[in-house]
Amino acid sequence: MRRMRRRATLMMTAALLAIAVGAHAEIVPAGRPAPEIASGPWINSQPLTMQGLRGRVVLVDFWTFG
């Protein structure tokens, strides 16, 4: 019983998270250009553009204090 309740709670949490993320995420179909990065201050460089990053492997790591 306890295990089933825990599983149901995890499934509901995952579903709510998927709905919340999906409501705010911009979906870019495969093969289309990525949107410009236009958020927040740039700490260790000048602001970058998608054109300047073209052809490079890019890791975007963003986070916030919660």
PDB file of N, CA and C in Angstrom:
ATOM      1  N   MET A   1       0.828  -1.189   0.000  1.00  0.00           N
ATOM      2  CA  MET A   1       0.000   0.000   0.000  1.00  0.00           C
ATOM      3  C   MET A   1       0.878   1.260   0.000  1.00  0.00           C
ATOM      4  N   ARG A   2       1.861   1.272   0.870  1.00  0.00           N
ATOM      5  CA  ARG A   2       2.745   2.429   0.989  1.00  0.00           C
ATOM      6  C   ARG A   2       3.538   2.635  -0.303  1.00  0.00           C
ATOM      7  N   ARG A   3       3.948   1.520  -0.895  1.00  0.00           N
ATOM      8  CA  ARG A   3       4.720   1.570  -2.134  1.00  0.00           C
ATOM      9  C   ARG A   3       3.870   2.121  -3.280  1.00  0.00           C
ATOM     10  N   MET A   4       2.608   1.706  -3.336  1.00  0.00           N
ATOM     11  CA  MET A   4       1.703   2.188  -4.381  1.00  0.00           C
ATOM     12  C   MET A   4       1.447   3.684  -4.237  1.00  0.00           C
ATOM     13  N   ARG A   5       1.295   4.135  -3.010  1.00  0.00           N
ATOM     14  CA  ARG A   5       1.057   5.557  -2.759  1.00  0.00           C
ATOM     15  C   ARG A   5       2.275   6.381  -3.182  1.00  0.00           C
ATOM     16  N   ARG A   6       3.453   5.867  -2.885  1.00  0.00           N
ATOM     17  CA  ARG A   6       4.682   6.573  -3.258  1.00  0.00           C
ATOM     18  C   ARG A   6       4.820   6.639  -4.776  1.00  0.00           C
ATOM     19  N   ARG A   7       4.527   5.520  -5.444  1.00  0.00           N
ATOM     20  CA  ARG A   7       4.609   5.491  -6.905  1.00  0.00           C
ATOM     21  C   ARG A   7       3.607   6.466  -7.520  1.00  0.00           C
ATOM     22  N   ALA A   8       2.394   6.509  -6.988  1.00  0.00           N
ATOM     23  CA  ALA A   8       1.373   7.422  -7.502  1.00  0.00           C
ATOM     24  C   ALA A   8       1.794   8.877  -7.298  1.00  0.00           C
ATOM     25  N   THR A   9       2.394   9.168  -6.157  1.00  0.00           N
ATOM     26  CA  THR A   9       2.871  10.530  -5.887  1.00  0.00           C
ATOM     27  C   THR A   9       3.972  10.914  -6.862  1.00  0.00           C
ATOM     28  N   LEU A  10       4.897  10.014  -7.120  1.00  0.00           N
ATOM     29  CA  LEU A  10       5.968  10.292  -8.073  1.00  0.00           C
ATOM     30  C   LEU A  10       5.421  10.501  -9.486  1.00  0.00           C
ATOM     31  N   MET A  11       4.457   9.698  -9.870  1.00  0.00           N
ATOM     32  CA  MET A  11       3.874   9.834 -11.203  1.00  0.00           C
ATOM     33  C   MET A  11       3.124  11.153 -11.350  1.00  0.00           C
ATOM     34  N   MET A  12       2.398  11.556 -10.329  1.00  0.00           N
ATOM     35  CA  MET A  12       1.682  12.832 -10.384  1.00  0.00           C
ATOM     36  C   MET A  12       2.657  13.998 -10.425  1.00  0.00           C
ATOM     37  N   THR A  13       3.721  13.915  -9.644  1.00  0.00           N
ATOM     38  CA  THR A  13       4.734  14.969  -9.651  1.00  0.00           C
ATOM     39  C   THR A  13       5.370  15.088 -11.022  1.00  0.00           C
ATOM     40  N   ALA A  14       5.715  13.962 -11.628  1.00  0.00           N
ATOM     41  CA  ALA A  14       6.313  13.972 -12.968  1.00  0.00           C
ATOM     42  C   ALA A  14       5.346  14.554 -13.990  1.00  0.00           C
ATOM     43  N   ALA A  15       4.084  14.204 -13.903  1.00  0.00           N
ATOM     44  CA  ALA A  15       3.090  14.720 -14.843  1.00  0.00           C
ATOM     45  C   ALA A  15       2.917  16.228 -14.689  1.00  0.00           C
ATOM     46  N   LEU A  16       2.836  16.700 -13.466  1.00  0.00           N
ATOM     47  CA  LEU A  16       2.688  18.145 -13.237  1.00  0.00           C
ATOM     48  C   LEU A  16       3.918  18.908 -13.709  1.00  0.00           C
ATOM     49  N   LEU A  17       5.092  18.352 -13.484  1.00  0.00           N
ATOM     50  CA  LEU A  17       6.323  18.989 -13.952  1.00  0.00           C
ATOM     51  C   LEU A  17       6.347  19.054 -15.473  1.00  0.00           C
ATOM     52  N   ALA A  18       5.959  17.977 -16.135  1.00  0.00           N
ATOM     53  CA  ALA A  18       5.924  17.960 -17.599  1.00  0.00           C
ATOM     54  C   ALA A  18       4.953  18.999 -18.137  1.00  0.00           C
ATOM     55  N   ILE A  19       3.808  19.144 -17.481  1.00  0.00           N
ATOM     56  CA  ILE A  19       2.829  20.138 -17.910  1.00  0.00           C
ATOM     57  C   ILE A  19       3.368  21.543 -17.699  1.00  0.00           C
ATOM     58  N   ALA A  20       3.979  21.789 -16.544  1.00  0.00           N
ATOM     59  CA  ALA A  20       4.504  23.123 -16.234  1.00  0.00           C
ATOM     60  C   ALA A  20       5.631  23.509 -17.174  1.00  0.00           C
ATOM     61  N   VAL A  21       6.530  22.587 -17.438  1.00  0.00           N
ATOM     62  CA  VAL A  21       7.655  22.879 -18.333  1.00  0.00           C
ATOM     63  C   VAL A  21       7.148  23.064 -19.757  1.00  0.00           C
ATOM     64  N   GLY A  22       6.238  22.216 -20.178  1.00  0.00           N
ATOM     65  CA  GLY A  22       5.710  22.301 -21.533  1.00  0.00           C
ATOM     66  C   GLY A  22       4.956  23.593 -21.789  1.00  0.00           C
ATOM     67  N   ALA A  23       4.327  24.135 -20.785  1.00  0.00           N
ATOM     68  CA  ALA A  23       3.555  25.363 -20.955  1.00  0.00           C
ATOM     69  C   ALA A  23       4.455  26.569 -21.195  1.00  0.00           C
ATOM     70  N   HIS A  24       5.687  26.527 -20.708  1.00  0.00           N
ATOM     71  CA  HIS A  24       6.576  27.676 -20.815  1.00  0.00           C
ATOM     72  C   HIS A  24       7.696  27.470 -21.828  1.00  0.00           C
ATOM     73  N   ALA A  25       7.891  26.275 -22.306  1.00  0.00           N
ATOM     74  CA  ALA A  25       8.994  25.990 -23.213  1.00  0.00           C
ATOM     75  C   ALA A  25       8.590  26.298 -24.650  1.00  0.00           C
ATOM     76  N   GLU A  26       9.535  26.851 -25.382  1.00  0.00           N
ATOM     77  CA  GLU A  26       9.319  27.070 -26.801  1.00  0.00           C
ATOM     78  C   GLU A  26       9.828  25.838 -27.528  1.00  0.00           C
ATOM     79  N   ILE A  27       8.980  25.210 -28.297  1.00  0.00           N
ATOM     80  CA  ILE A  27       9.362  24.000 -29.001  1.00  0.00           C
ATOM     81  C   ILE A  27       9.907  24.388 -30.365  1.00  0.00           C
ATOM     82  N   VAL A  28      11.142  23.998 -30.627  1.00  0.00           N
ATOM     83  CA  VAL A  28      11.774  24.272 -31.906  1.00  0.00           C
ATOM     84  C   VAL A  28      11.895  22.946 -32.643  1.00  0.00           C
ATOM     85  N   PRO A  29      11.210  22.813 -33.773  1.00  0.00           N
ATOM     86  CA  PRO A  29      11.276  21.561 -34.520  1.00  0.00           C
ATOM     87  C   PRO A  29      12.700  21.273 -35.003  1.00  0.00           C
ATOM     88  N   ALA A  30      13.017  19.992 -35.141  1.00  0.00           N
ATOM     89  CA  ALA A  30      14.338  19.589 -35.632  1.00  0.00           C
ATOM     90  C   ALA A  30      14.585  20.194 -37.005  1.00  0.00           C
ATOM     91  N   GLY A  31      15.814  20.648 -37.213  1.00  0.00           N
ATOM     92  CA  GLY A  31      16.186  21.226 -38.495  1.00  0.00           C
ATOM     93  C   GLY A  31      15.983  22.723 -38.585  1.00  0.00           C
ATOM     94  N   ARG A  32      15.329  23.320 -37.586  1.00  0.00           N
ATOM     95  CA  ARG A  32      15.121  24.766 -37.578  1.00  0.00           C
ATOM     96  C   ARG A  32      16.184  25.415 -36.714  1.00  0.00           C
ATOM     97  N   PRO A  33      16.538  26.661 -36.993  1.00  0.00           N
ATOM     98  CA  PRO A  33      17.551  27.352 -36.177  1.00  0.00           C
ATOM     99  C   PRO A  33      17.093  27.538 -34.735  1.00  0.00           C
ATOM    100  N   ALA A  34      18.035  27.505 -33.827  1.00  0.00           N
ATOM    101  CA  ALA A  34      17.736  27.744 -32.416  1.00  0.00           C
ATOM    102  C   ALA A  34      17.407  29.220 -32.209  1.00  0.00           C
ATOM    103  N   PRO A  35      16.560  29.535 -31.234  1.00  0.00           N
ATOM    104  CA  PRO A  35      16.263  30.949 -30.960  1.00  0.00           C
ATOM    105  C   PRO A  35      17.477  31.637 -30.339  1.00  0.00           C
ATOM    106  N   GLU A  36      17.517  32.944 -30.464  1.00  0.00           N
ATOM    107  CA  GLU A  36      18.605  33.714 -29.863  1.00  0.00           C
ATOM    108  C   GLU A  36      18.590  33.573 -28.348  1.00  0.00           C
ATOM    109  N   ILE A  37      19.753  33.648 -27.753  1.00  0.00           N
ATOM    110  CA  ILE A  37      19.888  33.633 -26.297  1.00  0.00           C
ATOM    111  C   ILE A  37      19.793  35.086 -25.854  1.00  0.00           C
ATOM    112  N   ALA A  38      18.718  35.436 -25.171  1.00  0.00           N
ATOM    113  CA  ALA A  38      18.483  36.849 -24.878  1.00  0.00           C
ATOM    114  C   ALA A  38      18.198  37.101 -23.407  1.00  0.00           C
ATOM    115  N   SER A  39      18.714  36.276 -22.532  1.00  0.00           N
ATOM    116  CA  SER A  39      18.343  36.411 -21.133  1.00  0.00           C
ATOM    117  C   SER A  39      19.548  36.634 -20.244  1.00  0.00           C
ATOM    118  N   GLY A  40      19.349  37.428 -19.222  1.00  0.00           N
ATOM    119  CA  GLY A  40      20.323  37.590 -18.148  1.00  0.00           C
ATOM    120  C   GLY A  40      21.619  38.281 -18.513  1.00  0.00           C
ATOM    121  N   PRO A  41      22.384  38.612 -17.501  1.00  0.00           N
ATOM    122  CA  PRO A  41      23.682  39.247 -17.738  1.00  0.00           C
ATOM    123  C   PRO A  41      24.725  38.206 -18.167  1.00  0.00           C
ATOM    124  N   TRP A  42      25.695  38.659 -18.933  1.00  0.00           N
ATOM    125  CA  TRP A  42      26.814  37.811 -19.347  1.00  0.00           C
ATOM    126  C   TRP A  42      27.950  38.085 -18.376  1.00  0.00           C
ATOM    127  N   ILE A  43      28.458  37.040 -17.726  1.00  0.00           N
ATOM    128  CA  ILE A  43      29.432  37.223 -16.660  1.00  0.00           C
ATOM    129  C   ILE A  43      30.872  37.172 -17.160  1.00  0.00           C
ATOM    130  N   ASN A  44      31.224  36.164 -17.940  1.00  0.00           N
ATOM    131  CA  ASN A  44      32.626  35.957 -18.318  1.00  0.00           C
ATOM    132  C   ASN A  44      32.934  36.260 -19.771  1.00  0.00           C
ATOM    133  N   SER A  45      32.021  36.890 -20.488  1.00  0.00           N
ATOM    134  CA  SER A  45      32.272  37.215 -21.894  1.00  0.00           C
ATOM    135  C   SER A  45      31.309  38.308 -22.334  1.00  0.00           C
ATOM    136  N   GLN A  46      31.552  38.790 -23.527  1.00  0.00           N
ATOM    137  CA  GLN A  46      30.598  39.698 -24.153  1.00  0.00           C
ATOM    138  C   GLN A  46      29.386  38.861 -24.552  1.00  0.00           C
ATOM    139  N   PRO A  47      28.212  39.472 -24.721  1.00  0.00           N
ATOM    140  CA  PRO A  47      27.049  38.692 -25.153  1.00  0.00           C
ATOM    141  C   PRO A  47      27.330  37.949 -26.461  1.00  0.00           C
ATOM    142  N   LEU A  48      26.929  36.687 -26.512  1.00  0.00           N
ATOM    143  CA  LEU A  48      27.145  35.862 -27.686  1.00  0.00           C
ATOM    144  C   LEU A  48      25.869  35.799 -28.514  1.00  0.00           C
ATOM    145  N   THR A  49      26.024  35.551 -29.790  1.00  0.00           N
ATOM    146  CA  THR A  49      24.874  35.389 -30.670  1.00  0.00           C
ATOM    147  C   THR A  49      24.904  33.981 -31.261  1.00  0.00           C
ATOM    148  N   MET A  50      23.765  33.548 -31.759  1.00  0.00           N
ATOM    149  CA  MET A  50      23.706  32.232 -32.387  1.00  0.00           C
ATOM    150  C   MET A  50      24.580  32.204 -33.639  1.00  0.00           C
ATOM    151  N   GLN A  51      24.638  33.308 -34.366  1.00  0.00           N
ATOM    152  CA  GLN A  51      25.479  33.367 -35.565  1.00  0.00           C
ATOM    153  C   GLN A  51      26.957  33.211 -35.199  1.00  0.00           C
ATOM    154  N   GLY A  52      27.380  33.815 -34.092  1.00  0.00           N
ATOM    155  CA  GLY A  52      28.765  33.693 -33.662  1.00  0.00           C
ATOM    156  C   GLY A  52      29.117  32.298 -33.163  1.00  0.00           C
ATOM    157  N   LEU A  53      28.118  31.536 -32.745  1.00  0.00           N
ATOM    158  CA  LEU A  53      28.338  30.181 -32.243  1.00  0.00           C
ATOM    159  C   LEU A  53      28.116  29.117 -33.317  1.00  0.00           C
ATOM    160  N   ARG A  54      27.732  29.526 -34.494  1.00  0.00           N
ATOM    161  CA  ARG A  54      27.417  28.572 -35.572  1.00  0.00           C
ATOM    162  C   ARG A  54      28.599  27.646 -35.847  1.00  0.00           C
ATOM    163  N   GLY A  55      28.323  26.341 -35.893  1.00  0.00           N
ATOM    164  CA  GLY A  55      29.349  25.348 -36.183  1.00  0.00           C
ATOM    165  C   GLY A  55      30.105  24.864 -34.955  1.00  0.00           C
ATOM    166  N   ARG A  56      29.795  25.396 -33.789  1.00  0.00           N
ATOM    167  CA  ARG A  56      30.462  24.992 -32.550  1.00  0.00           C
ATOM    168  C   ARG A  56      29.528  24.154 -31.687  1.00  0.00           C
ATOM    169  N   VAL A  57      30.121  23.329 -30.832  1.00  0.00           N
ATOM    170  CA  VAL A  57      29.344  22.593 -29.844  1.00  0.00           C
ATOM    171  C   VAL A  57      29.139  23.531 -28.661  1.00  0.00           C
ATOM    172  N   VAL A  58      27.892  23.692 -28.226  1.00  0.00           N
ATOM    173  CA  VAL A  58      27.570  24.647 -27.164  1.00  0.00           C
ATOM    174  C   VAL A  58      26.839  23.927 -26.042  1.00  0.00           C
ATOM    175  N   LEU A  59      27.307  24.125 -24.823  1.00  0.00           N
ATOM    176  CA  LEU A  59      26.620  23.622 -23.639  1.00  0.00           C
ATOM    177  C   LEU A  59      26.010  24.820 -22.932  1.00  0.00           C
ATOM    178  N   VAL A  60      24.700  24.821 -22.795  1.00  0.00           N
ATOM    179  CA  VAL A  60      24.008  25.904 -22.107  1.00  0.00           C
ATOM    180  C   VAL A  60      23.634  25.394 -20.727  1.00  0.00           C
ATOM    181  N   ASP A  61      24.232  25.995 -19.708  1.00  0.00           N
ATOM    182  CA  ASP A  61      23.978  25.598 -18.321  1.00  0.00           C
ATOM    183  C   ASP A  61      23.339  26.791 -17.621  1.00  0.00           C
ATOM    184  N   PHE A  62      22.056  26.693 -17.325  1.00  0.00           N
ATOM    185  CA  PHE A  62      21.385  27.797 -16.640  1.00  0.00           C
ATOM    186  C   PHE A  62      20.743  27.291 -15.377  1.00  0.00           C
ATOM    187  N   TRP A  63      20.663  28.147 -14.391  1.00  0.00           N
ATOM    188  CA  TRP A  63      20.111  27.762 -13.097  1.00  0.00           C
ATOM    189  C   TRP A  63      19.632  29.016 -12.394  1.00  0.00           C
ATOM    190  N   THR A  64      18.947  28.809 -11.292  1.00  0.00           N
ATOM    191  CA  THR A  64      18.442  29.928 -10.514  1.00  0.00           C
ATOM    192  C   THR A  64      18.489  29.557  -9.039  1.00  0.00           C
ATOM    193  N   PHE A  65      18.442  30.538  -8.204  1.00  0.00           N
ATOM    194  CA  PHE A  65      18.338  30.272  -6.770  1.00  0.00           C
ATOM    195  C   PHE A  65      16.887  30.012  -6.459  1.00  0.00           C
ATOM    196  N   GLY A  66      16.631  29.030  -5.601  1.00  0.00           N
ATOM    197  CA  GLY A  66      15.233  28.685  -5.356  1.00  0.00           C
ATOM    198  C   GLY A  66      14.795  28.850  -3.986  1.00  0.00           C
TER     199      GLY A  66
END
